[in-house]
Each structure stands twice: as structure tokens, then as C-alpha cells.
């Protein structure tokens, strides 16, 4: 059994940010990545996906993302940045290593990998993101539907849907962007449980992060913060804005149920459907922490400061505000990573 001061589970943006600060400490650490190559969840996104913040507002600690060709970095530009970040800082990443479970081991922890190997660590940082834990709602009649149902986590672009009848379900950014990606290739309908909320054209990720920072600072100082804009509201990225300008950006209310070859709409009308894409969000991917820690009904862990209540040497990182302000964003995770690594260094040294 190999032993480390710190074992980081994952090698996406949160794990890389942790690695950046860990390499300054002198602690013996490694990142264990289930993926075969760099990029984390970005390896599984569709080709036309873009960030909705400019490059300088989409950067990890230490190195600004290079300027993008368009207003927002593309999937390929983001993948290249993450891969180069690993190389630039010579982060010790082992892949593919899938962590199956986590156990208490005295005052430290023990990881068991999918092939039965064991890794001992004085501290574990869990930074697995959300991609591998998609939210999969179940609809009436779904078991009888003979078409394809996939989650947006597995959407790979419009090519395979050319000429097909497709429903995209979900009122957030993924739903809007996938709808825009398909509209010129398939007979596609956008379906939402609640009407989508569209942000003004000038609002992008940079604006949202600045607004969230102001709220964070106000709360910290005991002032009443301004009402927030939801990160789930639709940002008018170029593809979505172009669709709006063509008069095509509209969504229908959710259908009543599935039929064997399609759906039944609330007015009783039946429509044939070939494929359904669920842009229904994600939960924190925390299955690897069993049996040590169990998420609550919202998919979160109980926390005591920056570490999990289940064990003082377990640090979840990058899953959202419950693991640090804006920690699920490229630009926001650096602050949380620095805090976590500072606490770890103090505890271990």
C-alpha cells in the first residue's frame, strides 16, 4: 500500500487548483484521475460548447487562460488550457485510476481503487465534480418508450440526430445550448417544466461572478446583499442569441407522458419522437466516498468549515457554494483550493 500526505481524487479544474497550491507545500501528494487523459468533464462535452465567460475570467490560479479566438473559450481551447496547466506545473497525476471507496484508517484515510489496490493518505481532497452523477428524472410511460433517452452528459453533437425528431428537456444553459446546436440539423423541440429565464445580453459569466462576489462580500460584512441572479438562468451566448434573433428561441411546457413511439402533450395530442436529451442537471459525484461519508437528500455532505463532518481529514472541493464560494467555477475554485490547502498544511506540519 502506497502512502501520501495528500491524495486528491480527480484531475478536473478543482483538483488542478488544489495541486497548484499543494506543490508549494513540500507535502507528498498525487492526483488520481479516472479519465485516460487531461480535461476532466470537458472531455465529455459536445463539440460546439463554449464557456460563457471571457478567457481571463475563466482561469485557474497562477496562469491566465490564453485569449480565445471568439468572445468565449471553446471546448477545444478549454481542453488545451487544462492539459497545458498540468504540464506547466508538473502535477503528479496518475491515470486512469478509479477510486471505488474511502475508509477511515486511524487518523488518516484509505482509498480502494477499482482494481483492488489501496492508497493510504493522511488527508484526502475529493474533487470529482458532477459529470458522472447526472440527474435522471423518470416520466410516466418512460419504460414503454422505444426511442433513445440520453442525458446531456452523453450528448456528443448533432450529427447522429440529423433529420430525426428530438426533444430537449431542461430550462437551463445546457438545454438552451443543445437546442441551439440541434435546430439546423434535426426536428427539435425544447421542453421545460418551468418557463426558461433569459438574462440580458450584457450578462455573462464575468458579470455573474462579479455580482456573486459583491453578495459574498456584503454578507461577510453584515450588509444586506442585492438580490442574486440565478446561475441556472440562460446566458445569451452567441449561438443562443442568434437563435433568438431568428425568432426560434421558444420552449413548450412539459408533455404529459411518454407513449411507445413518442409523447402525449397536455392537450392530448400525440407526437412521434425518435430521441430525448435530458438537460436536467447534475449532483455532486460522491459515490467514491462510501462507506465513510453519505450525502444528504440534496446530494451534499455535512460540513464543518472546509472539511466534511464525517472525517476531519476529508476535504470536498469544487462542488458548489457548500464547498466554498463559487467553487464550481474555473475562476472561483482557486480561492477555495487555497483555503483548503492552507488548512491541510497547518494540520499536517
Protein backbone atom coordinates (compact mmCIF):
# COMPACT_ATOMS: atom_id res chain seq x y z
CA UNK A 1 0.00 0.00 0.00
CA UNK A 2 1.46 3.33 -1.09
CA UNK A 3 1.25 6.27 1.29
CA UNK A 4 0.85 10.00 0.62
CA UNK A 5 0.41 13.07 2.74
CA UNK A 6 -2.46 14.16 0.48
CA UNK A 7 -4.43 12.16 -2.07
CA UNK A 8 -6.57 14.20 -4.47
CA UNK A 9 -9.40 12.27 -6.11
CA UNK A 10 -9.96 13.75 -9.56
CA UNK A 11 -7.98 15.86 -12.03
CA UNK A 12 -10.52 18.39 -13.27
CA UNK A 13 -10.43 22.11 -12.55
CA UNK A 14 -10.85 21.84 -8.76
CA UNK A 15 -8.19 19.15 -8.43
CA UNK A 16 -5.74 21.11 -10.59
CA UNK A 17 -6.26 24.21 -8.45
CA UNK A 18 -5.56 22.13 -5.34
CA UNK A 19 -2.47 20.70 -7.00
CA UNK A 20 -1.19 24.20 -7.79
CA UNK A 21 -1.19 25.12 -4.09
CA UNK A 22 -0.07 21.68 -2.85
CA UNK A 23 3.13 21.80 -4.95
CA UNK A 24 4.23 24.80 -2.88
CA UNK A 25 3.94 22.98 0.44
CA UNK A 26 6.54 20.23 0.28
CA UNK A 27 3.87 17.65 1.11
CA UNK A 28 3.90 14.36 -0.80
CA UNK A 29 0.76 14.28 -2.90
CA UNK A 30 -0.78 12.80 -6.03
CA UNK A 31 -3.92 13.32 -8.12
CA UNK A 32 -5.83 10.15 -9.03
CA UNK A 33 -7.86 10.58 -12.21
CA UNK A 34 -10.39 8.10 -13.59
CA UNK A 35 -10.05 9.64 -17.06
CA UNK A 36 -7.41 8.38 -19.54
CA UNK A 37 -6.22 11.91 -20.41
CA UNK A 38 -6.38 15.54 -19.27
CA UNK A 39 -9.53 17.64 -19.28
CA UNK A 40 -11.85 16.24 -16.62
CA UNK A 41 -15.54 16.58 -17.50
CA UNK A 42 -14.67 18.75 -20.52
CA UNK A 43 -13.61 15.56 -22.32
CA UNK A 44 -17.28 14.56 -22.41
CA UNK A 45 -18.87 17.80 -23.59
CA UNK A 46 -20.29 18.39 -27.08
CA UNK A 47 -18.03 19.96 -29.73
CA UNK A 48 -19.76 23.36 -30.01
CA UNK A 49 -19.88 24.06 -26.26
CA UNK A 50 -18.32 27.33 -25.10
CA UNK A 51 -17.71 28.83 -21.71
CA UNK A 52 -19.82 31.92 -21.05
CA UNK A 53 -17.02 33.97 -19.50
CA UNK A 54 -14.07 35.57 -21.33
CA UNK A 55 -10.76 33.71 -21.05
CA UNK A 56 -9.26 35.92 -18.34
CA UNK A 57 -12.37 35.26 -16.23
CA UNK A 58 -12.10 31.50 -16.80
CA UNK A 59 -8.65 30.89 -15.37
CA UNK A 60 -7.17 28.72 -12.67
CA UNK A 61 -4.70 30.13 -10.11
CA UNK A 62 -1.27 31.08 -11.35
CA UNK A 63 -1.83 31.21 -15.10
CA UNK A 64 -4.41 33.13 -17.14
CA UNK A 65 -6.14 31.21 -19.88
CA UNK A 66 -4.79 32.41 -23.25
CA UNK A 67 -7.09 34.69 -25.22
CA UNK A 68 -9.68 32.78 -27.22
CA UNK A 69 -10.46 33.21 -30.92
CA UNK A 70 -14.06 34.20 -30.16
CA UNK A 71 -15.57 36.11 -27.23
CA UNK A 72 -15.72 32.96 -25.10
CA UNK A 73 -13.33 29.98 -24.98
CA UNK A 74 -14.41 26.91 -26.92
CA UNK A 75 -14.38 23.32 -25.73
CA UNK A 76 -11.10 22.67 -27.55
CA UNK A 77 -9.47 25.81 -26.15
CA UNK A 78 -10.54 24.86 -22.63
CA UNK A 79 -9.23 21.31 -23.02
CA UNK A 80 -5.90 22.65 -24.29
CA UNK A 81 -5.66 25.04 -21.35
CA UNK A 82 -6.30 22.31 -18.77
CA UNK A 83 -3.79 19.96 -20.40
CA UNK A 84 -1.12 22.65 -20.54
CA UNK A 85 -1.86 23.63 -16.93
CA UNK A 86 -0.99 20.08 -15.85
CA UNK A 87 2.29 20.22 -17.77
CA UNK A 88 3.21 23.75 -16.75
CA UNK A 89 3.03 22.92 -13.05
CA UNK A 90 4.25 19.32 -13.39
CA UNK A 91 1.38 17.98 -11.32
CA UNK A 92 1.77 14.33 -10.24
CA UNK A 93 -1.29 12.80 -11.87
CA UNK A 94 -1.91 9.06 -12.09
CA UNK A 95 -4.47 7.88 -14.64
CA UNK A 96 -6.61 6.07 -15.24
CA UNK A 97 -7.19 5.32 -11.56
CA UNK A 98 -10.81 4.92 -10.46
CA UNK A 99 -11.35 5.28 -6.71
CA UNK A 100 -14.15 2.95 -5.64
CA UNK A 101 -14.37 3.58 -1.89
CA UNK A 102 -12.94 5.56 1.01
CA UNK A 103 -12.31 4.29 4.54
CA UNK A 104 -11.16 5.68 7.85
CA UNK A 105 -7.70 4.39 8.75
CA UNK A 106 -6.68 5.65 12.16
CA UNK A 107 -6.36 9.42 11.95
CA UNK A 108 -5.89 9.16 8.18
CA UNK A 109 -7.81 7.66 5.30
CA UNK A 110 -7.52 4.74 2.90
CA UNK A 111 -8.68 4.69 -0.71
CA UNK A 112 -9.53 1.48 -2.53
CA UNK A 113 -9.32 1.59 -6.33
CA UNK A 114 -11.45 -0.30 -8.81
CA UNK A 115 -8.81 -2.99 -9.25
CA UNK A 116 -8.43 -3.51 -5.51
CA UNK A 117 -5.26 -1.51 -4.89
CA UNK A 118 -5.11 0.52 -1.70
CA UNK A 119 -3.72 4.02 -1.16
CA UNK A 120 -3.11 5.43 2.31
CA UNK A 121 -3.29 9.19 2.82
CA UNK A 122 -3.07 11.46 5.81
CA UNK A 123 -5.61 13.70 4.03
CA UNK A 124 -7.98 13.21 1.08
CA UNK A 125 -9.26 16.02 -1.13
CA UNK A 126 -12.34 14.91 -3.05
CA UNK A 127 -12.59 16.90 -6.30
CA UNK A 128 -14.63 14.69 -8.62
CA UNK A 129 -17.09 17.33 -9.82
CA UNK A 130 -20.56 16.35 -11.01
CA UNK A 131 -20.35 14.96 -14.55
CA UNK A 132 -20.56 11.30 -13.50
CA UNK A 133 -23.69 11.89 -11.37
CA UNK A 134 -26.37 13.17 -13.79
CA UNK A 135 -29.90 13.84 -12.53
CA UNK A 136 -32.20 11.41 -14.36
CA UNK A 137 -35.89 12.18 -13.81
CA UNK A 138 -38.40 9.42 -14.54
CA UNK A 139 -41.52 10.25 -16.56
CA UNK A 140 -44.82 8.44 -16.81
CA UNK A 141 -44.71 5.82 -19.55
CA UNK A 142 -40.94 6.08 -19.96
CA UNK A 143 -40.46 2.32 -19.64
CA UNK A 144 -42.60 1.79 -22.78
CA UNK A 145 -40.85 4.39 -24.94
CA UNK A 146 -38.90 2.69 -27.74
CA UNK A 147 -36.78 5.70 -28.74
CA UNK A 148 -33.48 6.87 -27.30
CA UNK A 149 -33.16 8.73 -24.00
CA UNK A 150 -29.78 10.16 -23.01
CA UNK A 151 -28.56 12.73 -20.53
CA UNK A 152 -26.73 15.84 -21.75
CA UNK A 153 -23.61 14.35 -20.14
CA UNK A 154 -23.51 11.97 -23.10
CA UNK A 155 -24.58 14.35 -25.86
CA UNK A 156 -21.78 14.40 -28.45
CA UNK A 157 -23.14 16.81 -31.05
CA UNK A 158 -25.87 16.99 -33.70
CA UNK A 159 -24.53 14.58 -36.33
CA UNK A 160 -26.30 11.42 -35.17
CA UNK A 161 -29.63 13.28 -34.88
CA UNK A 162 -29.72 14.63 -38.44
CA UNK A 163 -33.31 14.58 -39.69
CA UNK A 164 -34.65 12.96 -36.51
CA UNK A 165 -37.42 14.15 -34.21
CA UNK A 166 -35.77 15.21 -30.94
CA UNK A 167 -36.94 16.65 -27.61
CA UNK A 168 -34.51 18.58 -25.40
CA UNK A 169 -35.71 18.75 -21.78
CA UNK A 170 -34.36 21.37 -19.37
CA UNK A 171 -34.70 25.12 -18.85
CA UNK A 172 -31.06 25.93 -18.07
CA UNK A 173 -28.00 26.78 -20.12
CA UNK A 174 -27.35 23.22 -21.27
CA UNK A 175 -30.91 22.86 -22.53
CA UNK A 176 -30.76 26.17 -24.42
CA UNK A 177 -27.34 25.49 -25.94
CA UNK A 178 -28.14 21.93 -27.03
CA UNK A 179 -31.41 23.14 -28.57
CA UNK A 180 -29.44 25.78 -30.48
CA UNK A 181 -26.88 23.16 -31.52
CA UNK A 182 -29.58 20.90 -32.99
CA UNK A 183 -32.02 23.33 -34.55
CA UNK A 184 -30.44 23.31 -38.03
CA UNK A 185 -29.92 19.54 -38.07
CA UNK A 186 -32.99 17.91 -36.52
CA UNK A 187 -36.71 18.44 -35.99
CA UNK A 188 -36.08 19.58 -32.44
CA UNK A 189 -38.42 20.86 -29.72
CA UNK A 190 -37.27 22.45 -26.48
CA UNK A 191 -39.35 21.36 -23.47
CA UNK A 192 -39.18 22.82 -19.94
CA UNK A 193 -41.00 22.19 -16.68
CA UNK A 194 -40.99 25.93 -15.94
CA UNK A 195 -40.55 28.73 -18.49
CA UNK A 196 -36.84 29.47 -19.09
CA UNK A 197 -35.47 32.77 -17.79
CA UNK A 198 -33.23 34.62 -20.24
CA UNK A 199 -30.59 37.00 -18.95
CA UNK A 200 -29.95 40.37 -20.66
CA UNK A 201 -27.42 40.31 -23.48
CA UNK A 202 -24.74 42.09 -21.43
CA UNK A 203 -24.85 39.50 -18.64
CA UNK A 204 -22.25 36.73 -18.92
CA UNK A 205 -20.19 34.64 -16.53
CA UNK A 206 -17.91 37.56 -15.73
CA UNK A 207 -20.89 39.69 -14.71
CA UNK A 208 -22.44 36.86 -12.67
CA UNK A 209 -19.18 36.18 -10.85
CA UNK A 210 -18.72 39.88 -10.04
CA UNK A 211 -22.29 40.05 -8.76
CA UNK A 212 -21.87 36.92 -6.65
CA UNK A 213 -18.61 38.31 -5.25
CA UNK A 214 -20.38 41.51 -4.21
CA UNK A 215 -23.08 39.45 -2.46
CA UNK A 216 -20.45 37.35 -0.71
CA UNK A 217 -18.63 40.44 0.50
CA UNK A 218 -21.85 42.09 1.69
CA UNK A 219 -22.86 39.03 3.71
CA UNK A 220 -19.36 38.76 5.15
CA UNK A 221 -19.54 42.41 6.26
CA UNK A 222 -23.06 42.11 7.68
CA UNK A 223 -24.72 44.18 4.93
CA UNK A 224 -27.89 43.28 3.03
CA UNK A 225 -26.83 41.90 -0.37
CA UNK A 226 -28.54 42.71 -3.65
CA UNK A 227 -30.94 40.03 -4.94
CA UNK A 228 -28.98 37.41 -6.89
CA UNK A 229 -29.35 36.30 -10.47
CA UNK A 230 -29.60 32.54 -10.73
CA UNK A 231 -26.69 30.69 -12.32
CA UNK A 232 -29.38 28.47 -13.83
CA UNK A 233 -30.81 31.32 -15.91
CA UNK A 234 -29.92 31.24 -19.59
CA UNK A 235 -26.90 33.29 -20.64
CA UNK A 236 -27.25 34.70 -24.15
CA UNK A 237 -24.12 33.17 -25.62
CA UNK A 238 -23.73 33.81 -29.37
CA UNK A 239 -25.46 30.60 -30.51
CA UNK A 240 -28.48 31.16 -28.26
CA UNK A 241 -28.68 34.86 -29.13
CA UNK A 242 -28.58 34.03 -32.85
CA UNK A 243 -31.48 31.63 -32.37
CA UNK A 244 -33.46 34.33 -30.56
CA UNK A 245 -32.75 36.80 -33.36
CA UNK A 246 -34.16 34.27 -35.83
CA UNK A 247 -37.35 34.05 -33.75
CA UNK A 248 -36.73 30.39 -32.90
CA UNK A 249 -35.85 30.56 -29.20
CA UNK A 250 -39.01 29.21 -27.56
CA UNK A 251 -39.89 26.31 -25.30
CA UNK A 252 -43.03 24.24 -24.78
CA UNK A 253 -44.40 23.13 -21.39
CA UNK A 254 -43.57 19.60 -20.33
CA UNK A 255 -45.51 16.79 -22.02
CA UNK A 256 -47.95 14.66 -20.04
CA UNK A 257 -46.38 11.24 -20.56
CA UNK A 258 -44.37 9.04 -22.89
CA UNK A 259 -46.06 6.76 -25.40
CA UNK A 260 -44.34 3.79 -27.06
CA UNK A 261 -43.26 5.91 -30.05
CA UNK A 262 -43.30 9.45 -28.66
CA UNK A 263 -45.12 11.70 -26.19
CA UNK A 264 -48.60 12.88 -25.32
CA UNK A 265 -48.89 16.65 -24.86
CA UNK A 266 -51.12 18.27 -22.20
CA UNK A 267 -53.91 18.86 -24.77
CA UNK A 268 -53.97 15.14 -25.62
CA UNK A 269 -52.11 15.49 -28.92
CA UNK A 270 -49.75 12.59 -29.69
CA UNK A 271 -46.39 13.22 -31.35
CA UNK A 272 -43.80 10.74 -32.56
CA UNK A 273 -40.29 11.25 -31.17
CA UNK A 274 -37.03 9.49 -32.04
CA UNK A 275 -34.79 10.74 -29.23
CA UNK A 276 -34.92 12.67 -25.95
CA UNK A 277 -31.98 14.57 -24.45
CA UNK A 278 -32.23 15.30 -20.72
CA UNK A 279 -30.51 18.58 -19.85
CA UNK A 280 -31.66 18.10 -16.28
CA UNK A 281 -28.52 18.87 -14.32
CA UNK A 282 -26.12 17.01 -12.08
CA UNK A 283 -25.42 16.19 -8.45
CA UNK A 284 -22.03 16.01 -6.75
CA UNK A 285 -20.26 12.77 -7.72
CA UNK A 286 -19.60 11.38 -4.25
CA UNK A 287 -20.14 7.63 -4.60
CA UNK A 288 -16.39 7.05 -4.09
CA UNK A 289 -16.67 8.37 -0.51
CA UNK A 290 -18.77 5.43 0.64
CA UNK A 291 -18.82 3.95 3.20
CA UNK A 292 -17.11 6.85 5.01
CA UNK A 293 -19.49 9.69 4.10
CA UNK A 294 -23.13 9.70 2.97
CA UNK A 295 -24.67 12.65 1.08
CA UNK A 296 -28.00 14.11 2.21
CA UNK A 297 -31.15 14.28 0.07
CA UNK A 298 -29.66 17.20 -1.85
CA UNK A 299 -26.52 15.24 -2.69
CA UNK A 300 -24.33 17.23 -0.29
CA UNK A 301 -22.17 16.29 2.66
CA UNK A 302 -22.47 17.81 6.13
CA UNK A 303 -19.52 20.16 6.59
CA UNK A 304 -17.52 21.63 9.46
CA UNK A 305 -15.71 24.55 7.92
CA UNK A 306 -13.73 23.31 4.93
CA UNK A 307 -13.75 19.59 5.89
CA UNK A 308 -16.54 17.03 5.92
CA UNK A 309 -18.22 16.26 9.23
CA UNK A 310 -17.73 12.55 8.53
CA UNK A 311 -13.94 12.85 8.97
CA UNK A 312 -11.65 15.78 9.84
CA UNK A 313 -9.15 14.76 7.14
CA UNK A 314 -11.67 14.66 4.28
CA UNK A 315 -11.96 17.87 2.22
CA UNK A 316 -14.62 18.10 -0.55
CA UNK A 317 -13.67 20.76 -3.09
CA UNK A 318 -15.31 22.34 -6.12
CA UNK A 319 -18.88 21.07 -5.82
CA UNK A 320 -20.56 24.46 -5.36
CA UNK A 321 -21.04 27.07 -2.68
CA UNK A 322 -21.35 24.46 0.09
CA UNK A 323 -17.66 23.69 -0.51
CA UNK A 324 -16.60 27.31 -0.97
CA UNK A 325 -17.87 30.45 -2.64
CA UNK A 326 -18.17 29.93 -6.44
CA UNK A 327 -16.04 26.80 -6.13
CA UNK A 328 -17.75 25.10 -9.07
CA UNK A 329 -16.31 27.68 -11.48
CA UNK A 330 -12.87 27.88 -13.06
CA UNK A 331 -12.15 31.32 -11.66
CA UNK A 332 -13.83 30.72 -8.30
CA UNK A 333 -12.25 27.43 -7.26
CA UNK A 334 -8.81 28.94 -6.67
CA UNK A 335 -9.92 30.74 -3.52
CA UNK A 336 -11.41 27.58 -2.02
CA UNK A 337 -8.43 25.46 -3.06
CA UNK A 338 -6.03 27.87 -1.37
CA UNK A 339 -8.05 27.80 1.85
CA UNK A 340 -8.24 24.00 1.87
CA UNK A 341 -4.52 23.54 1.22
CA UNK A 342 -3.61 26.13 3.86
CA UNK A 343 -5.69 24.26 6.45
CA UNK A 344 -4.16 20.93 5.41
CA UNK A 345 -0.61 22.26 5.58
CA UNK A 346 -1.24 23.67 9.07
CA UNK A 347 -2.76 20.40 10.28
CA UNK A 348 -0.04 18.15 8.88
CA UNK A 349 3.02 20.26 9.64
